[in-house]
N, C-alpha and C. Protein backbone atom coordinates (compact mmCIF):
# COMPACT_ATOMS: atom_id res chain seq x y z
N MET A 1 60.98 93.16 -89.42
CA MET A 1 60.90 92.61 -90.70
C MET A 1 62.26 92.03 -91.25
N ILE A 2 62.43 91.01 -91.59
CA ILE A 2 63.79 90.60 -92.14
C ILE A 2 64.29 91.09 -93.54
N ASN A 3 63.16 91.34 -94.36
CA ASN A 3 63.54 91.71 -95.71
C ASN A 3 62.50 92.79 -96.03
N ASN A 4 63.01 94.03 -96.33
CA ASN A 4 62.19 95.09 -96.73
C ASN A 4 61.79 95.27 -98.20
N ASP A 5 62.59 94.58 -98.98
CA ASP A 5 62.42 94.71 -100.55
C ASP A 5 61.77 93.62 -101.24
N ARG A 6 61.78 92.41 -100.70
CA ARG A 6 61.03 91.22 -101.40
C ARG A 6 60.06 90.57 -100.52
N ILE A 7 59.02 91.20 -100.20
CA ILE A 7 58.16 90.58 -99.24
C ILE A 7 57.29 89.67 -99.87
N VAL A 8 57.22 88.47 -99.42
CA VAL A 8 56.18 87.49 -99.94
C VAL A 8 54.99 87.40 -98.88
N PRO A 9 53.80 87.72 -99.40
CA PRO A 9 52.65 87.72 -98.40
C PRO A 9 52.26 86.38 -98.18
N VAL A 10 51.60 86.27 -96.86
CA VAL A 10 51.25 84.92 -96.39
C VAL A 10 49.68 85.00 -96.91
N MET A 11 49.47 83.96 -97.58
CA MET A 11 48.01 83.78 -98.22
C MET A 11 47.36 82.29 -97.96
N ALA A 12 46.12 82.44 -98.05
CA ALA A 12 45.34 81.09 -97.93
C ALA A 12 45.72 80.39 -96.63
N THR A 13 46.03 81.00 -95.71
CA THR A 13 46.18 80.27 -94.23
C THR A 13 45.89 81.20 -93.16
N ASP A 14 45.70 80.67 -91.94
CA ASP A 14 45.59 81.58 -90.74
C ASP A 14 46.81 81.68 -90.02
N LEU A 15 47.01 82.61 -89.03
CA LEU A 15 48.18 82.89 -88.48
C LEU A 15 48.52 81.79 -87.63
N ILE A 16 47.72 81.07 -86.84
CA ILE A 16 48.06 79.97 -86.07
C ILE A 16 48.51 78.65 -86.67
N THR A 17 47.73 78.24 -87.79
CA THR A 17 48.17 77.41 -88.71
C THR A 17 49.75 77.56 -89.20
N LEU A 18 49.94 78.84 -89.63
CA LEU A 18 51.33 79.10 -90.04
C LEU A 18 52.33 78.93 -88.90
N TYR A 19 52.02 79.46 -87.71
CA TYR A 19 52.88 79.14 -86.48
C TYR A 19 53.10 77.80 -86.46
N GLY A 20 52.13 76.87 -86.42
CA GLY A 20 52.32 75.44 -86.36
C GLY A 20 53.20 74.77 -87.41
N VAL A 21 53.16 75.41 -88.55
CA VAL A 21 54.05 74.88 -89.66
C VAL A 21 55.46 75.09 -89.18
N ILE A 22 55.72 76.43 -88.81
CA ILE A 22 56.97 76.92 -88.31
C ILE A 22 57.53 75.99 -87.16
N LEU A 23 56.69 75.92 -86.20
CA LEU A 23 57.07 75.14 -84.89
C LEU A 23 57.30 73.76 -85.10
N LYS A 24 56.63 73.06 -86.12
CA LYS A 24 57.01 71.77 -86.54
C LYS A 24 58.46 71.51 -87.25
N MET A 25 58.85 72.59 -87.73
CA MET A 25 60.29 72.51 -88.35
C MET A 25 61.37 72.32 -87.42
N ASP A 26 61.15 72.74 -86.13
CA ASP A 26 62.06 72.49 -85.07
C ASP A 26 61.91 71.02 -84.59
N SER A 27 63.07 70.34 -84.59
CA SER A 27 63.10 68.88 -84.34
C SER A 27 62.52 68.79 -82.74
N ASN A 28 62.69 69.64 -82.04
CA ASN A 28 62.18 69.49 -80.55
C ASN A 28 60.60 69.48 -80.56
N ASN A 29 59.86 70.08 -81.81
CA ASN A 29 58.46 70.12 -81.82
C ASN A 29 57.91 69.14 -82.79
N SER A 30 58.66 68.10 -83.28
CA SER A 30 58.28 67.22 -84.39
C SER A 30 56.91 66.58 -84.12
N SER A 31 56.82 66.26 -82.78
CA SER A 31 55.50 65.71 -82.36
C SER A 31 54.38 66.63 -81.96
N LEU A 32 54.54 67.95 -82.35
CA LEU A 32 53.61 68.86 -82.07
C LEU A 32 52.09 68.52 -82.39
N ALA A 33 51.25 68.71 -81.47
CA ALA A 33 49.73 68.35 -81.63
C ALA A 33 48.99 69.55 -81.33
N LYS A 34 47.79 69.72 -82.00
CA LYS A 34 46.87 70.83 -81.64
C LYS A 34 45.98 70.26 -80.60
N VAL A 35 45.46 71.32 -79.77
CA VAL A 35 44.45 71.11 -78.74
C VAL A 35 43.42 72.07 -78.98
N ASN A 36 42.05 71.71 -78.85
CA ASN A 36 40.95 72.59 -79.22
C ASN A 36 40.33 73.08 -77.95
N GLY A 37 39.68 74.25 -78.05
CA GLY A 37 39.00 74.77 -76.90
C GLY A 37 37.56 74.88 -77.32
N ASP A 38 36.73 75.43 -76.40
CA ASP A 38 35.29 75.55 -76.73
C ASP A 38 35.08 76.82 -77.56
N ALA A 39 33.78 77.14 -78.03
CA ALA A 39 33.52 78.27 -78.99
C ALA A 39 33.98 79.58 -78.19
N GLU A 40 34.21 79.68 -76.92
CA GLU A 40 34.50 80.81 -76.40
C GLU A 40 36.09 81.04 -76.38
N GLY A 41 36.92 80.03 -76.48
CA GLY A 41 38.34 80.00 -76.44
C GLY A 41 38.81 79.46 -75.19
N ASN A 42 37.99 78.79 -74.41
CA ASN A 42 38.35 78.18 -73.15
C ASN A 42 38.93 76.76 -73.47
N PHE A 43 40.13 76.52 -72.91
CA PHE A 43 40.81 75.22 -73.17
C PHE A 43 40.95 74.40 -71.90
N ALA A 44 40.84 73.18 -72.05
CA ALA A 44 41.30 72.16 -70.99
C ALA A 44 42.29 71.11 -71.54
N VAL A 45 43.52 71.12 -70.92
CA VAL A 45 44.53 70.41 -71.34
C VAL A 45 44.42 69.10 -70.46
N THR A 46 44.01 67.95 -70.98
CA THR A 46 43.97 66.71 -70.10
C THR A 46 45.04 65.72 -70.28
N SER A 47 45.98 65.99 -71.30
CA SER A 47 47.00 65.03 -71.62
C SER A 47 48.15 65.92 -72.47
N ALA A 48 49.21 65.75 -72.04
CA ALA A 48 50.43 66.69 -72.62
C ALA A 48 51.52 65.83 -72.84
N SER A 49 51.67 64.71 -73.44
CA SER A 49 52.65 63.99 -73.57
C SER A 49 53.71 64.59 -74.69
N THR A 50 53.09 65.45 -75.62
CA THR A 50 53.83 66.08 -76.53
C THR A 50 53.70 67.58 -76.43
N PRO A 51 54.48 68.43 -77.10
CA PRO A 51 54.26 69.90 -77.24
C PRO A 51 52.87 70.06 -77.93
N LEU A 52 52.08 71.04 -77.32
CA LEU A 52 50.75 71.36 -77.85
C LEU A 52 50.64 72.76 -78.37
N LEU A 53 49.87 73.06 -79.38
CA LEU A 53 49.47 74.15 -79.91
C LEU A 53 48.04 74.42 -79.81
N ALA A 54 47.61 75.67 -79.30
CA ALA A 54 46.09 75.93 -79.10
C ALA A 54 45.68 76.33 -80.42
N SER A 55 44.51 75.72 -81.11
CA SER A 55 44.07 75.86 -82.23
C SER A 55 43.33 77.10 -82.64
N GLU A 56 43.20 78.06 -81.56
CA GLU A 56 42.52 79.35 -81.67
C GLU A 56 43.15 80.23 -80.57
N PRO A 57 42.90 81.58 -80.63
CA PRO A 57 43.30 82.41 -79.43
C PRO A 57 42.66 81.93 -78.20
N VAL A 58 43.35 81.80 -77.02
CA VAL A 58 43.14 81.42 -75.80
C VAL A 58 42.44 82.36 -74.95
N LYS A 59 41.30 82.26 -74.34
CA LYS A 59 40.83 83.13 -73.42
C LYS A 59 41.13 82.61 -71.99
N SER A 60 41.05 81.34 -71.89
CA SER A 60 41.52 80.73 -70.52
C SER A 60 41.92 79.25 -70.89
N CYS A 61 42.78 78.77 -69.88
CA CYS A 61 43.34 77.40 -70.12
C CYS A 61 43.37 76.60 -68.66
N ASP A 62 42.87 75.58 -68.58
CA ASP A 62 42.99 74.63 -67.35
C ASP A 62 43.82 73.58 -67.71
N PHE A 63 44.92 73.54 -66.76
CA PHE A 63 45.71 72.21 -66.90
C PHE A 63 45.12 71.24 -65.78
N THR A 64 44.21 70.04 -66.30
CA THR A 64 43.64 69.38 -65.20
C THR A 64 44.57 68.57 -64.36
N ALA A 65 44.15 68.02 -63.45
CA ALA A 65 45.00 67.18 -62.46
C ALA A 65 45.78 66.13 -62.96
N ALA A 66 45.34 65.57 -63.91
CA ALA A 66 46.20 64.51 -64.66
C ALA A 66 47.54 64.97 -65.28
N VAL A 67 47.57 66.22 -65.66
CA VAL A 67 48.60 66.88 -66.22
C VAL A 67 49.68 67.44 -65.27
N THR A 68 50.80 67.03 -65.03
CA THR A 68 51.94 67.47 -64.27
C THR A 68 52.94 68.31 -64.85
N SER A 69 53.14 68.20 -66.17
CA SER A 69 54.07 68.89 -67.01
C SER A 69 53.52 69.00 -68.47
N ALA A 70 53.63 70.14 -69.02
CA ALA A 70 53.21 70.48 -70.39
C ALA A 70 53.96 71.67 -70.87
N SER A 71 53.83 71.81 -72.41
CA SER A 71 54.30 72.89 -73.07
C SER A 71 53.25 73.26 -74.07
N LEU A 72 52.59 74.38 -73.81
CA LEU A 72 51.45 74.78 -74.78
C LEU A 72 51.89 76.06 -75.36
N TYR A 73 51.90 76.07 -76.80
CA TYR A 73 52.13 77.24 -77.51
C TYR A 73 50.68 77.85 -77.75
N PHE A 74 50.68 79.18 -77.61
CA PHE A 74 49.19 79.73 -77.71
C PHE A 74 49.38 81.36 -78.06
N VAL A 75 48.19 81.78 -78.65
CA VAL A 75 48.05 83.09 -78.82
C VAL A 75 47.09 83.57 -77.91
N PRO A 76 47.16 84.62 -77.14
CA PRO A 76 46.17 85.09 -76.39
C PRO A 76 45.09 85.88 -76.83
N SER A 77 43.89 85.54 -76.46
CA SER A 77 42.73 86.47 -77.12
C SER A 77 42.77 87.92 -76.48
N TYR A 78 42.02 88.71 -77.06
CA TYR A 78 42.03 90.12 -76.49
C TYR A 78 41.34 90.18 -75.04
N ASP A 79 40.55 88.95 -74.59
CA ASP A 79 39.98 88.88 -73.23
C ASP A 79 40.66 87.81 -72.58
N PHE A 80 42.04 87.70 -72.71
CA PHE A 80 42.76 86.58 -72.15
C PHE A 80 42.49 86.64 -70.60
N GLU A 81 42.15 85.54 -70.01
CA GLU A 81 41.83 85.71 -68.69
C GLU A 81 43.15 84.92 -67.71
N GLY A 82 43.80 83.91 -68.52
CA GLY A 82 44.92 83.31 -67.78
C GLY A 82 44.72 81.72 -67.70
N PHE A 83 45.59 81.24 -66.68
CA PHE A 83 45.66 79.82 -66.50
C PHE A 83 45.05 79.36 -65.23
N SER A 84 44.67 78.06 -65.24
CA SER A 84 44.46 77.41 -63.76
C SER A 84 45.06 76.15 -63.88
N LEU A 85 45.14 75.58 -62.53
CA LEU A 85 45.73 74.04 -62.38
C LEU A 85 44.62 73.43 -61.71
N ALA A 86 44.04 72.28 -62.27
CA ALA A 86 42.93 71.53 -61.86
C ALA A 86 41.70 72.47 -61.27
N GLY A 87 41.57 73.30 -62.08
CA GLY A 87 40.22 74.18 -61.86
C GLY A 87 40.63 75.40 -60.84
N VAL A 88 41.92 75.53 -60.39
CA VAL A 88 42.07 76.65 -59.38
C VAL A 88 43.03 77.74 -60.19
N LYS A 89 42.44 78.82 -60.35
CA LYS A 89 43.09 79.97 -61.01
C LYS A 89 44.50 80.14 -60.42
N THR A 90 45.53 80.40 -61.22
CA THR A 90 46.82 80.61 -60.88
C THR A 90 47.49 81.69 -61.39
N THR A 91 48.47 82.28 -60.90
CA THR A 91 49.12 83.35 -61.49
C THR A 91 50.43 83.01 -62.16
N ALA A 92 50.57 82.90 -63.33
CA ALA A 92 51.76 82.44 -64.14
C ALA A 92 52.93 83.62 -64.05
N THR A 93 54.00 83.03 -64.32
CA THR A 93 55.28 83.90 -64.24
C THR A 93 55.41 84.35 -65.83
N GLY A 94 55.55 85.71 -65.99
CA GLY A 94 55.75 86.17 -67.44
C GLY A 94 54.56 86.97 -67.82
N ASP A 95 54.94 87.99 -68.71
CA ASP A 95 53.85 88.92 -69.11
C ASP A 95 53.11 88.27 -70.40
N VAL A 96 52.08 88.73 -70.56
CA VAL A 96 51.22 88.50 -71.82
C VAL A 96 50.66 89.77 -72.37
N ASP A 97 50.93 90.02 -73.56
CA ASP A 97 50.23 91.12 -74.46
C ASP A 97 49.05 90.67 -75.02
N LYS A 98 47.78 90.95 -74.69
CA LYS A 98 46.50 90.47 -75.20
C LYS A 98 46.15 91.05 -76.48
N ASP A 99 47.28 90.68 -77.49
CA ASP A 99 47.00 91.41 -78.78
C ASP A 99 46.40 90.64 -79.85
N GLY A 100 46.16 89.25 -79.49
CA GLY A 100 45.53 88.38 -80.44
C GLY A 100 46.34 87.80 -81.58
N ASN A 101 47.63 88.15 -81.49
CA ASN A 101 48.58 87.65 -82.59
C ASN A 101 49.98 87.09 -82.23
N THR A 102 50.47 87.42 -80.98
CA THR A 102 51.72 87.13 -80.43
C THR A 102 51.80 85.86 -80.14
N LEU A 103 52.66 84.92 -80.27
CA LEU A 103 52.82 83.49 -79.90
C LEU A 103 53.59 83.58 -78.45
N TYR A 104 53.15 82.72 -77.79
CA TYR A 104 53.61 82.58 -76.32
C TYR A 104 53.89 80.94 -76.26
N LEU A 105 54.68 80.73 -75.13
CA LEU A 105 54.85 79.15 -74.70
C LEU A 105 54.59 79.23 -73.03
N ALA A 106 53.58 78.49 -72.80
CA ALA A 106 53.37 78.27 -71.33
C ALA A 106 53.84 77.00 -71.04
N THR A 107 54.72 77.03 -69.96
CA THR A 107 55.29 75.75 -69.58
C THR A 107 54.88 75.56 -68.19
N LEU A 108 54.43 74.07 -68.00
CA LEU A 108 53.92 73.75 -66.69
C LEU A 108 54.95 72.72 -66.20
N ALA A 109 55.36 73.13 -64.86
CA ALA A 109 56.36 72.35 -64.24
C ALA A 109 56.36 72.50 -62.67
N THR A 110 56.46 71.51 -62.05
CA THR A 110 56.39 71.52 -60.51
C THR A 110 55.15 72.51 -60.11
N ASN A 111 54.00 72.38 -60.52
CA ASN A 111 52.84 73.16 -60.20
C ASN A 111 53.08 74.65 -60.31
N ALA A 112 53.90 75.08 -61.38
CA ALA A 112 53.96 76.38 -61.69
C ALA A 112 54.07 76.59 -63.16
N ILE A 113 53.43 77.77 -63.72
CA ILE A 113 53.27 77.88 -65.21
C ILE A 113 54.17 79.21 -65.50
N THR A 114 55.11 79.02 -66.34
CA THR A 114 55.83 80.19 -66.80
C THR A 114 55.59 80.40 -68.11
N ILE A 115 55.44 81.82 -68.55
CA ILE A 115 55.01 82.21 -69.98
C ILE A 115 56.23 82.77 -70.46
N THR A 116 56.52 82.42 -71.63
CA THR A 116 57.70 83.21 -72.46
C THR A 116 57.11 83.51 -73.89
N LYS A 117 57.58 84.70 -74.35
CA LYS A 117 57.15 85.18 -75.60
C LYS A 117 58.13 84.34 -76.71
N VAL A 118 57.72 83.92 -77.68
CA VAL A 118 58.25 83.22 -78.82
C VAL A 118 58.39 84.07 -80.07
N GLY A 119 59.69 83.87 -80.57
CA GLY A 119 59.95 84.75 -81.75
C GLY A 119 60.75 85.93 -81.52
N LEU A 120 61.03 86.73 -82.57
CA LEU A 120 61.97 87.98 -82.66
C LEU A 120 61.17 88.92 -81.71
């Protein structure tokens, strides 16, 4: 915590929306767009010309064959299964804590996915 004495509570929003607001403040993310999954938290990224933010915790995510590079910010669900490329399950580089609240960045480049934790 940055300030122990004058805490301002977050109200009337959800954590992922708050992450989106914070990310858009970075000029590198000025074109940040949300991507929606199905009711189970399974996502299919079919286009990624801008940085993306998953609109809910991610159970699984497939980068379709049309996507060769991408930046996806996401919160893993408690039952996070990982990523696939064009329907084929792949092992990403980087660790993910399936805690349902930590923000991560999945970067797709050269048919490999690298996951990094975002924030403090």
